[in-house]
Amino acid sequence: MSKSNQLTHVLQLHLGKSMNLARIRFLSLMIFALYKVQSVSFEKLATAFDSKAKRESSLRRIQRFISKYSLSGDVIA
């Protein structure tokens, strides 16, 4: 089991009631990408996603998540 899958599992245990699995998987990819590139540049983050998707697809996924999904304070806490 990859580290990303392990994190997804842990996040699902804690966030599963308030966030769907697709968003939890994305959050896991985002956390590992932030750790790898140590930057908040969307372009750099997209290249660090542990995914078979093209960089452009990952970039668009980041942009959609940031623009359309609102994390509640309870989820962040």
PDB file of N, CA and C in Angstrom:
ATOM      1  N   MET A   1       0.850  -1.184   0.000  1.00  0.00           N
ATOM      2  CA  MET A   1       0.000   0.000   0.000  1.00  0.00           C
ATOM      3  C   MET A   1       0.892   1.243   0.000  1.00  0.00           C
ATOM      4  N   SER A   2       0.646   2.154  -0.931  1.00  0.00           N
ATOM      5  CA  SER A   2       1.465   3.358  -1.020  1.00  0.00           C
ATOM      6  C   SER A   2       1.144   4.313   0.125  1.00  0.00           C
ATOM      7  N   LYS A   3       2.047   5.250   0.346  1.00  0.00           N
ATOM      8  CA  LYS A   3       1.830   6.231   1.421  1.00  0.00           C
ATOM      9  C   LYS A   3       0.593   7.076   1.139  1.00  0.00           C
ATOM     10  N   SER A   4       0.371   7.384  -0.136  1.00  0.00           N
ATOM     11  CA  SER A   4      -0.812   8.159  -0.501  1.00  0.00           C
ATOM     12  C   SER A   4      -2.084   7.386  -0.164  1.00  0.00           C
ATOM     13  N   ASN A   5      -2.085   6.075  -0.439  1.00  0.00           N
ATOM     14  CA  ASN A   5      -3.249   5.251  -0.104  1.00  0.00           C
ATOM     15  C   ASN A   5      -3.438   5.144   1.405  1.00  0.00           C
ATOM     16  N   GLN A   6      -2.338   5.072   2.129  1.00  0.00           N
ATOM     17  CA  GLN A   6      -2.428   5.016   3.591  1.00  0.00           C
ATOM     18  C   GLN A   6      -3.040   6.301   4.136  1.00  0.00           C
ATOM     19  N   LEU A   7      -2.581   7.430   3.615  1.00  0.00           N
ATOM     20  CA  LEU A   7      -3.130   8.712   4.060  1.00  0.00           C
ATOM     21  C   LEU A   7      -4.601   8.822   3.674  1.00  0.00           C
ATOM     22  N   THR A   8      -4.946   8.371   2.487  1.00  0.00           N
ATOM     23  CA  THR A   8      -6.345   8.389   2.058  1.00  0.00           C
ATOM     24  C   THR A   8      -7.206   7.606   3.035  1.00  0.00           C
ATOM     25  N   HIS A   9      -6.727   6.455   3.449  1.00  0.00           N
ATOM     26  CA  HIS A   9      -7.473   5.633   4.406  1.00  0.00           C
ATOM     27  C   HIS A   9      -7.670   6.373   5.732  1.00  0.00           C
ATOM     28  N   VAL A  10      -6.621   6.980   6.246  1.00  0.00           N
ATOM     29  CA  VAL A  10      -6.710   7.712   7.513  1.00  0.00           C
ATOM     30  C   VAL A  10      -7.660   8.908   7.371  1.00  0.00           C
ATOM     31  N   LEU A  11      -7.529   9.636   6.272  1.00  0.00           N
ATOM     32  CA  LEU A  11      -8.414  10.787   6.060  1.00  0.00           C
ATOM     33  C   LEU A  11      -9.863  10.343   5.920  1.00  0.00           C
ATOM     34  N   GLN A  12     -10.077   9.197   5.279  1.00  0.00           N
ATOM     35  CA  GLN A  12     -11.432   8.693   5.110  1.00  0.00           C
ATOM     36  C   GLN A  12     -12.064   8.355   6.466  1.00  0.00           C
ATOM     37  N   LEU A  13     -11.264   7.831   7.367  1.00  0.00           N
ATOM     38  CA  LEU A  13     -11.784   7.533   8.712  1.00  0.00           C
ATOM     39  C   LEU A  13     -12.249   8.799   9.418  1.00  0.00           C
ATOM     40  N   HIS A  14     -11.510   9.897   9.221  1.00  0.00           N
ATOM     41  CA  HIS A  14     -11.813  11.142   9.925  1.00  0.00           C
ATOM     42  C   HIS A  14     -12.770  12.062   9.171  1.00  0.00           C
ATOM     43  N   LEU A  15     -12.724  12.017   7.831  1.00  0.00           N
ATOM     44  CA  LEU A  15     -13.508  12.969   7.040  1.00  0.00           C
ATOM     45  C   LEU A  15     -14.622  12.318   6.236  1.00  0.00           C
ATOM     46  N   GLY A  16     -14.737  11.003   6.305  1.00  0.00           N
ATOM     47  CA  GLY A  16     -15.674  10.266   5.464  1.00  0.00           C
ATOM     48  C   GLY A  16     -17.120  10.700   5.556  1.00  0.00           C
ATOM     49  N   LYS A  17     -17.526  11.227   6.691  1.00  0.00           N
ATOM     50  CA  LYS A  17     -18.912  11.657   6.850  1.00  0.00           C
ATOM     51  C   LYS A  17     -19.169  13.029   6.244  1.00  0.00           C
ATOM     52  N   SER A  18     -18.127  13.829   6.080  1.00  0.00           N
ATOM     53  CA  SER A  18     -18.321  15.189   5.598  1.00  0.00           C
ATOM     54  C   SER A  18     -17.712  15.445   4.222  1.00  0.00           C
ATOM     55  N   MET A  19     -16.987  14.471   3.663  1.00  0.00           N
ATOM     56  CA  MET A  19     -16.311  14.675   2.383  1.00  0.00           C
ATOM     57  C   MET A  19     -16.360  13.362   1.598  1.00  0.00           C
ATOM     58  N   ASN A  20     -16.630  13.436   0.282  1.00  0.00           N
ATOM     59  CA  ASN A  20     -16.697  12.214  -0.501  1.00  0.00           C
ATOM     60  C   ASN A  20     -15.290  11.672  -0.809  1.00  0.00           C
ATOM     61  N   LEU A  21     -15.230  10.420  -1.245  1.00  0.00           N
ATOM     62  CA  LEU A  21     -13.956   9.735  -1.449  1.00  0.00           C
ATOM     63  C   LEU A  21     -13.085  10.412  -2.500  1.00  0.00           C
ATOM     64  N   ALA A  22     -13.672  10.923  -3.560  1.00  0.00           N
ATOM     65  CA  ALA A  22     -12.884  11.598  -4.601  1.00  0.00           C
ATOM     66  C   ALA A  22     -12.140  12.803  -4.020  1.00  0.00           C
ATOM     67  N   ARG A  23     -12.812  13.572  -3.190  1.00  0.00           N
ATOM     68  CA  ARG A  23     -12.169  14.744  -2.575  1.00  0.00           C
ATOM     69  C   ARG A  23     -11.129  14.326  -1.549  1.00  0.00           C
ATOM     70  N   ILE A  24     -11.392  13.249  -0.841  1.00  0.00           N
ATOM     71  CA  ILE A  24     -10.406  12.743   0.124  1.00  0.00           C
ATOM     72  C   ILE A  24      -9.147  12.286  -0.603  1.00  0.00           C
ATOM     73  N   ARG A  25      -9.305  11.576  -1.715  1.00  0.00           N
ATOM     74  CA  ARG A  25      -8.138  11.144  -2.507  1.00  0.00           C
ATOM     75  C   ARG A  25      -7.366  12.346  -3.026  1.00  0.00           C
ATOM     76  N   PHE A  26      -8.105  13.356  -3.513  1.00  0.00           N
ATOM     77  CA  PHE A  26      -7.448  14.564  -3.983  1.00  0.00           C
ATOM     78  C   PHE A  26      -6.656  15.228  -2.856  1.00  0.00           C
ATOM     79  N   LEU A  27      -7.261  15.325  -1.691  1.00  0.00           N
ATOM     80  CA  LEU A  27      -6.598  15.947  -0.548  1.00  0.00           C
ATOM     81  C   LEU A  27      -5.318  15.205  -0.192  1.00  0.00           C
ATOM     82  N   SER A  28      -5.350  13.894  -0.263  1.00  0.00           N
ATOM     83  CA  SER A  28      -4.161  13.085  -0.006  1.00  0.00           C
ATOM     84  C   SER A  28      -3.062  13.389  -1.024  1.00  0.00           C
ATOM     85  N   LEU A  29      -3.424  13.441  -2.301  1.00  0.00           N
ATOM     86  CA  LEU A  29      -2.450  13.780  -3.348  1.00  0.00           C
ATOM     87  C   LEU A  29      -1.876  15.174  -3.116  1.00  0.00           C
ATOM     88  N   MET A  30      -2.744  16.107  -2.747  1.00  0.00           N
ATOM     89  CA  MET A  30      -2.321  17.489  -2.521  1.00  0.00           C
ATOM     90  C   MET A  30      -1.347  17.593  -1.352  1.00  0.00           C
ATOM     91  N   ILE A  31      -1.619  16.884  -0.282  1.00  0.00           N
ATOM     92  CA  ILE A  31      -0.735  16.921   0.890  1.00  0.00           C
ATOM     93  C   ILE A  31       0.645  16.398   0.529  1.00  0.00           C
ATOM     94  N   PHE A  32       0.713  15.272  -0.189  1.00  0.00           N
ATOM     95  CA  PHE A  32       2.006  14.728  -0.572  1.00  0.00           C
ATOM     96  C   PHE A  32       2.721  15.622  -1.582  1.00  0.00           C
ATOM     97  N   ALA A  33       1.974  16.236  -2.480  1.00  0.00           N
ATOM     98  CA  ALA A  33       2.588  17.159  -3.438  1.00  0.00           C
ATOM     99  C   ALA A  33       3.169  18.373  -2.720  1.00  0.00           C
ATOM    100  N   LEU A  34       2.447  18.911  -1.745  1.00  0.00           N
ATOM    101  CA  LEU A  34       2.957  20.041  -0.955  1.00  0.00           C
ATOM    102  C   LEU A  34       4.244  19.656  -0.238  1.00  0.00           C
ATOM    103  N   TYR A  35       4.277  18.453   0.295  1.00  0.00           N
ATOM    104  CA  TYR A  35       5.478  17.968   0.983  1.00  0.00           C
ATOM    105  C   TYR A  35       6.661  17.844   0.006  1.00  0.00           C
ATOM    106  N   LYS A  36       6.393  17.330  -1.193  1.00  0.00           N
ATOM    107  CA  LYS A  36       7.460  17.118  -2.174  1.00  0.00           C
ATOM    108  C   LYS A  36       8.043  18.426  -2.696  1.00  0.00           C
ATOM    109  N   VAL A  37       7.187  19.329  -3.135  1.00  0.00           N
ATOM    110  CA  VAL A  37       7.692  20.538  -3.795  1.00  0.00           C
ATOM    111  C   VAL A  37       7.877  21.712  -2.847  1.00  0.00           C
ATOM    112  N   GLN A  38       7.291  21.651  -1.664  1.00  0.00           N
ATOM    113  CA  GLN A  38       7.401  22.704  -0.663  1.00  0.00           C
ATOM    114  C   GLN A  38       7.086  24.074  -1.258  1.00  0.00           C
ATOM    115  N   SER A  39       6.006  24.084  -2.019  1.00  0.00           N
ATOM    116  CA  SER A  39       5.564  25.298  -2.690  1.00  0.00           C
ATOM    117  C   SER A  39       4.054  25.238  -2.862  1.00  0.00           C
ATOM    118  N   VAL A  40       3.429  26.380  -2.996  1.00  0.00           N
ATOM    119  CA  VAL A  40       1.999  26.411  -3.255  1.00  0.00           C
ATOM    120  C   VAL A  40       1.701  26.764  -4.711  1.00  0.00           C
ATOM    121  N   SER A  41       2.706  26.753  -5.550  1.00  0.00           N
ATOM    122  CA  SER A  41       2.512  26.987  -6.978  1.00  0.00           C
ATOM    123  C   SER A  41       1.721  25.821  -7.564  1.00  0.00           C
ATOM    124  N   PHE A  42       0.564  26.121  -8.135  1.00  0.00           N
ATOM    125  CA  PHE A  42      -0.280  25.061  -8.675  1.00  0.00           C
ATOM    126  C   PHE A  42       0.452  24.240  -9.738  1.00  0.00           C
ATOM    127  N   GLU A  43       1.243  24.901 -10.581  1.00  0.00           N
ATOM    128  CA  GLU A  43       1.969  24.196 -11.638  1.00  0.00           C
ATOM    129  C   GLU A  43       2.967  23.206 -11.046  1.00  0.00           C
ATOM    130  N   LYS A  44       3.686  23.608 -10.017  1.00  0.00           N
ATOM    131  CA  LYS A  44       4.642  22.711  -9.373  1.00  0.00           C
ATOM    132  C   LYS A  44       3.921  21.574  -8.658  1.00  0.00           C
ATOM    133  N   LEU A  45       2.818  21.882  -8.005  1.00  0.00           N
ATOM    134  CA  LEU A  45       2.054  20.853  -7.314  1.00  0.00           C
ATOM    135  C   LEU A  45       1.525  19.811  -8.300  1.00  0.00           C
ATOM    136  N   ALA A  46       1.059  20.264  -9.449  1.00  0.00           N
ATOM    137  CA  ALA A  46       0.501  19.349 -10.453  1.00  0.00           C
ATOM    138  C   ALA A  46       1.552  18.348 -10.932  1.00  0.00           C
ATOM    139  N   THR A  47       2.797  18.767 -11.033  1.00  0.00           N
ATOM    140  CA  THR A  47       3.848  17.844 -11.480  1.00  0.00           C
ATOM    141  C   THR A  47       4.200  16.833 -10.398  1.00  0.00           C
ATOM    142  N   ALA A  48       3.889  17.130  -9.150  1.00  0.00           N
ATOM    143  CA  ALA A  48       4.258  16.249  -8.040  1.00  0.00           C
ATOM    144  C   ALA A  48       3.148  15.274  -7.652  1.00  0.00           C
ATOM    145  N   PHE A  49       1.984  15.367  -8.287  1.00  0.00           N
ATOM    146  CA  PHE A  49       0.904  14.429  -7.982  1.00  0.00           C
ATOM    147  C   PHE A  49       1.333  13.020  -8.340  1.00  0.00           C
ATOM    148  N   ASP A  50       1.098  12.082  -7.448  1.00  0.00           N
ATOM    149  CA  ASP A  50       1.402  10.677  -7.683  1.00  0.00           C
ATOM    150  C   ASP A  50       0.216  10.064  -8.427  1.00  0.00           C
ATOM    151  N   SER A  51       0.130  10.382  -9.701  1.00  0.00           N
ATOM    152  CA  SER A  51      -1.024  10.004 -10.505  1.00  0.00           C
ATOM    153  C   SER A  51      -0.577   9.753 -11.939  1.00  0.00           C
ATOM    154  N   LYS A  52      -1.353   8.949 -12.654  1.00  0.00           N
ATOM    155  CA  LYS A  52      -1.047   8.688 -14.070  1.00  0.00           C
ATOM    156  C   LYS A  52      -1.611   9.778 -14.971  1.00  0.00           C
ATOM    157  N   ALA A  53      -2.348  10.700 -14.403  1.00  0.00           N
ATOM    158  CA  ALA A  53      -2.944  11.781 -15.181  1.00  0.00           C
ATOM    159  C   ALA A  53      -1.863  12.741 -15.677  1.00  0.00           C
ATOM    160  N   LYS A  54      -2.151  13.402 -16.786  1.00  0.00           N
ATOM    161  CA  LYS A  54      -1.228  14.406 -17.319  1.00  0.00           C
ATOM    162  C   LYS A  54      -1.144  15.589 -16.363  1.00  0.00           C
ATOM    163  N   ARG A  55      -0.026  16.303 -16.440  1.00  0.00           N
ATOM    164  CA  ARG A  55       0.177  17.461 -15.575  1.00  0.00           C
ATOM    165  C   ARG A  55      -0.958  18.471 -15.747  1.00  0.00           C
ATOM    166  N   GLU A  56      -1.380  18.685 -16.991  1.00  0.00           N
ATOM    167  CA  GLU A  56      -2.449  19.648 -17.259  1.00  0.00           C
ATOM    168  C   GLU A  56      -3.754  19.234 -16.584  1.00  0.00           C
ATOM    169  N   SER A  57      -4.032  17.934 -16.566  1.00  0.00           N
ATOM    170  CA  SER A  57      -5.239  17.437 -15.912  1.00  0.00           C
ATOM    171  C   SER A  57      -5.162  17.638 -14.399  1.00  0.00           C
ATOM    172  N   SER A  58      -3.998  17.369 -13.834  1.00  0.00           N
ATOM    173  CA  SER A  58      -3.819  17.577 -12.397  1.00  0.00           C
ATOM    174  C   SER A  58      -3.923  19.051 -12.047  1.00  0.00           C
ATOM    175  N   LEU A  59      -3.361  19.899 -12.902  1.00  0.00           N
ATOM    176  CA  LEU A  59      -3.443  21.348 -12.680  1.00  0.00           C
ATOM    177  C   LEU A  59      -4.897  21.795 -12.687  1.00  0.00           C
ATOM    178  N   ARG A  60      -5.662  21.333 -13.648  1.00  0.00           N
ATOM    179  CA  ARG A  60      -7.072  21.714 -13.725  1.00  0.00           C
ATOM    180  C   ARG A  60      -7.847  21.188 -12.513  1.00  0.00           C
ATOM    181  N   ARG A  61      -7.490  20.010 -12.045  1.00  0.00           N
ATOM    182  CA  ARG A  61      -8.133  19.424 -10.862  1.00  0.00           C
ATOM    183  C   ARG A  61      -7.880  20.294  -9.637  1.00  0.00           C
ATOM    184  N   ILE A  62      -6.650  20.761  -9.486  1.00  0.00           N
ATOM    185  CA  ILE A  62      -6.307  21.660  -8.375  1.00  0.00           C
ATOM    186  C   ILE A  62      -7.126  22.941  -8.479  1.00  0.00           C
ATOM    187  N   GLN A  63      -7.164  23.516  -9.672  1.00  0.00           N
ATOM    188  CA  GLN A  63      -7.887  24.768  -9.866  1.00  0.00           C
ATOM    189  C   GLN A  63      -9.379  24.622  -9.548  1.00  0.00           C
ATOM    190  N   ARG A  64      -9.984  23.526 -10.005  1.00  0.00           N
ATOM    191  CA  ARG A  64     -11.410  23.303  -9.723  1.00  0.00           C
ATOM    192  C   ARG A  64     -11.653  23.144  -8.230  1.00  0.00           C
ATOM    193  N   PHE A  65     -10.790  22.375  -7.555  1.00  0.00           N
ATOM    194  CA  PHE A  65     -10.966  22.163  -6.124  1.00  0.00           C
ATOM    195  C   PHE A  65     -10.878  23.481  -5.358  1.00  0.00           C
ATOM    196  N   ILE A  66      -9.858  24.259  -5.659  1.00  0.00           N
ATOM    197  CA  ILE A  66      -9.640  25.527  -4.953  1.00  0.00           C
ATOM    198  C   ILE A  66     -10.786  26.505  -5.226  1.00  0.00           C
ATOM    199  N   SER A  67     -11.275  26.549  -6.453  1.00  0.00           N
ATOM    200  CA  SER A  67     -12.296  27.546  -6.795  1.00  0.00           C
ATOM    201  C   SER A  67     -13.703  27.149  -6.368  1.00  0.00           C
ATOM    202  N   LYS A  68     -13.980  25.835  -6.261  1.00  0.00           N
ATOM    203  CA  LYS A  68     -15.360  25.430  -6.041  1.00  0.00           C
ATOM    204  C   LYS A  68     -15.648  24.746  -4.704  1.00  0.00           C
ATOM    205  N   TYR A  69     -14.645  24.257  -4.023  1.00  0.00           N
ATOM    206  CA  TYR A  69     -14.917  23.517  -2.805  1.00  0.00           C
ATOM    207  C   TYR A  69     -14.537  24.340  -1.588  1.00  0.00           C
ATOM    208  N   SER A  70     -15.469  24.418  -0.663  1.00  0.00           N
ATOM    209  CA  SER A  70     -15.233  25.186   0.551  1.00  0.00           C
ATOM    210  C   SER A  70     -15.062  24.229   1.723  1.00  0.00           C
ATOM    211  N   LEU A  71     -13.885  24.208   2.303  1.00  0.00           N
ATOM    212  CA  LEU A  71     -13.632  23.372   3.475  1.00  0.00           C
ATOM    213  C   LEU A  71     -14.239  24.039   4.694  1.00  0.00           C
ATOM    214  N   SER A  72     -15.028  23.297   5.435  1.00  0.00           N
ATOM    215  CA  SER A  72     -15.634  23.868   6.633  1.00  0.00           C
ATOM    216  C   SER A  72     -14.596  23.928   7.755  1.00  0.00           C
ATOM    217  N   GLY A  73     -14.809  24.805   8.685  1.00  0.00           N
ATOM    218  CA  GLY A  73     -13.901  24.924   9.827  1.00  0.00           C
ATOM    219  C   GLY A  73     -13.813  23.648  10.640  1.00  0.00           C
ATOM    220  N   ASP A  74     -14.927  22.912  10.719  1.00  0.00           N
ATOM    221  CA  ASP A  74     -14.928  21.641  11.454  1.00  0.00           C
ATOM    222  C   ASP A  74     -14.009  20.615  10.807  1.00  0.00           C
ATOM    223  N   VAL A  75     -14.021  20.559   9.476  1.00  0.00           N
ATOM    224  CA  VAL A  75     -13.166  19.611   8.756  1.00  0.00           C
ATOM    225  C   VAL A  75     -11.701  19.972   8.945  1.00  0.00           C
ATOM    226  N   ILE A  76     -11.394  21.244   8.869  1.00  0.00           N
ATOM    227  CA  ILE A  76     -10.006  21.686   9.035  1.00  0.00           C
ATOM    228  C   ILE A  76      -9.507  21.413  10.456  1.00  0.00           C
ATOM    229  N   ALA A  77     -10.356  21.674  11.422  1.00  0.00           N
ATOM    230  CA  ALA A  77      -9.974  21.443  12.823  1.00  0.00           C
ATOM    231  C   ALA A  77      -9.761  19.974  13.067  1.00  0.00           C
TER     232      ALA A  77
END
